[in-house]
Amino acid sequence: MAEVHVSPVRTYATILGTLLVLTAATVWVAFYDLGPLNDIVALGIASTKAVLVMLFFMHVKYAGRMVKLTVVGGFFWLNILFGLTVLDYVTRGDVVADPPPVIAPGPIGPESPDGR
């Protein structure tokens, strides 16, 4: 039979408080222009919140090796996807849209230059 772990309410309250503080930090950072660090800080805070939720609310902290290996494998795969996305973004050149076609001014209406 599988071992069941029961966490005290104090642990859940502490994690909830931490998640609320990190959410407030996310909102606070969103109002400041950190340049290219905006995405890094936002992803860092979001990753910290995700790890806290997984460890405590999803009980991965108290799970067996196979569950922990699956979680680590999922994060490894996510990092591969993020890395490939960043690599694609960094290696692209400047994309310049084609200018709109220039339409020469001419007569408007049924008259044409050849008199038809």
Protein backbone atom coordinates (compact mmCIF):
# COMPACT_ATOMS: atom_id res chain seq x y z
CA MET A 1 0.00 0.00 0.00
CA ALA A 2 1.24 3.48 -0.85
CA GLU A 3 2.36 5.78 1.92
CA VAL A 4 0.17 8.84 2.38
CA HIS A 5 1.69 12.11 3.50
CA VAL A 6 -0.47 14.71 5.24
CA SER A 7 0.96 18.23 5.32
CA PRO A 8 0.04 20.57 8.15
CA VAL A 9 -2.20 23.54 7.40
CA ARG A 10 0.64 25.85 8.45
CA THR A 11 2.71 24.63 5.47
CA TYR A 12 -0.13 25.34 3.04
CA ALA A 13 -0.68 28.79 4.58
CA THR A 14 3.03 29.61 4.26
CA ILE A 15 3.11 28.51 0.63
CA LEU A 16 -0.07 30.46 -0.08
CA GLY A 17 1.48 33.60 1.45
CA THR A 18 4.64 33.08 -0.59
CA LEU A 19 2.60 32.66 -3.79
CA LEU A 20 0.66 35.86 -3.04
CA VAL A 21 3.91 37.77 -2.42
CA LEU A 22 5.36 36.45 -5.68
CA THR A 23 2.18 37.43 -7.53
CA ALA A 24 2.46 40.95 -6.09
CA ALA A 25 6.11 41.00 -7.18
CA THR A 26 5.04 40.03 -10.69
CA VAL A 27 2.57 42.92 -10.81
CA TRP A 28 5.10 45.34 -9.32
CA VAL A 29 7.82 44.36 -11.83
CA ALA A 30 5.36 44.68 -14.73
CA PHE A 31 5.15 48.44 -14.16
CA TYR A 32 8.90 48.94 -14.60
CA ASP A 33 10.81 48.84 -17.86
CA LEU A 34 13.74 46.52 -17.26
CA GLY A 35 14.58 46.25 -20.93
CA PRO A 36 15.45 42.72 -21.99
CA LEU A 37 15.29 41.57 -18.36
CA ASN A 38 11.48 41.90 -18.24
CA ASP A 39 10.96 38.44 -19.71
CA ILE A 40 13.70 36.86 -17.63
CA VAL A 41 12.35 38.25 -14.35
CA ALA A 42 8.77 37.30 -15.24
CA LEU A 43 9.80 33.75 -16.18
CA GLY A 44 11.90 33.47 -13.01
CA ILE A 45 9.00 34.44 -10.77
CA ALA A 46 6.58 32.20 -12.69
CA SER A 47 8.98 29.26 -12.49
CA THR A 48 9.40 29.74 -8.75
CA LYS A 49 5.64 29.75 -8.27
CA ALA A 50 5.25 26.65 -10.46
CA VAL A 51 7.90 24.77 -8.47
CA LEU A 52 6.23 25.69 -5.17
CA VAL A 53 2.84 24.50 -6.43
CA MET A 54 4.31 21.25 -7.72
CA LEU A 55 6.36 20.49 -4.64
CA PHE A 56 3.72 21.20 -2.02
CA PHE A 57 0.23 21.28 -3.52
CA MET A 58 0.91 18.37 -5.90
CA HIS A 59 2.97 16.54 -3.22
CA VAL A 60 5.94 15.92 -5.51
CA LYS A 61 8.22 16.66 -2.55
CA TYR A 62 6.96 13.53 -0.80
CA ALA A 63 6.55 11.34 -3.89
CA GLY A 64 8.71 8.47 -5.04
CA ARG A 65 11.68 8.54 -7.38
CA MET A 66 9.67 7.82 -10.51
CA VAL A 67 7.39 10.84 -10.00
CA LYS A 68 10.39 13.08 -9.33
CA LEU A 69 12.15 11.73 -12.42
CA THR A 70 9.05 12.45 -14.50
CA VAL A 71 8.90 16.03 -13.21
CA VAL A 72 12.60 16.59 -13.89
CA GLY A 73 12.16 15.13 -17.38
CA GLY A 74 9.26 17.50 -18.02
CA PHE A 75 11.37 20.49 -17.00
CA PHE A 76 14.24 19.23 -19.14
CA TRP A 77 11.91 19.03 -22.15
CA LEU A 78 10.50 22.50 -21.40
CA ASN A 79 14.04 23.91 -21.29
CA ILE A 80 14.79 22.31 -24.66
CA LEU A 81 11.70 23.98 -26.14
CA PHE A 82 12.57 27.36 -24.61
CA GLY A 83 16.15 27.01 -25.84
CA LEU A 84 15.08 26.23 -29.40
CA THR A 85 12.64 29.15 -29.35
CA VAL A 86 15.33 31.55 -28.14
CA LEU A 87 17.79 30.16 -30.70
CA ASP A 88 15.25 30.75 -33.48
CA TYR A 89 14.59 34.29 -32.25
CA VAL A 90 18.26 35.21 -31.90
CA THR A 91 19.35 33.86 -35.30
CA ARG A 92 16.73 35.70 -37.33
CA GLY A 93 17.72 38.83 -39.20
CA ASP A 94 15.76 42.06 -39.20
CA VAL A 95 12.47 41.50 -40.94
CA VAL A 96 11.58 44.48 -43.11
CA ALA A 97 8.18 44.57 -44.72
CA ASP A 98 7.94 45.37 -48.41
CA PRO A 99 6.97 49.00 -48.96
CA PRO A 100 3.47 49.55 -50.28
CA PRO A 101 3.23 49.90 -54.07
CA VAL A 102 3.35 53.41 -55.43
CA ILE A 103 0.26 54.26 -57.46
CA ALA A 104 0.80 57.00 -60.00
CA PRO A 105 -1.76 59.79 -59.89
CA GLY A 106 -4.10 59.77 -62.84
CA PRO A 107 -7.62 60.73 -63.84
CA ILE A 108 -10.38 59.51 -61.60
CA GLY A 109 -13.60 58.49 -63.20
CA PRO A 110 -14.73 57.26 -66.62
CA GLU A 111 -12.47 59.56 -68.62
CA SER A 112 -9.25 58.06 -69.76
CA PRO A 113 -6.30 59.67 -71.53
CA ASP A 114 -7.18 58.16 -74.91
CA GLY A 115 -10.73 59.60 -74.84
CA ARG A 116 -12.81 56.44 -74.53
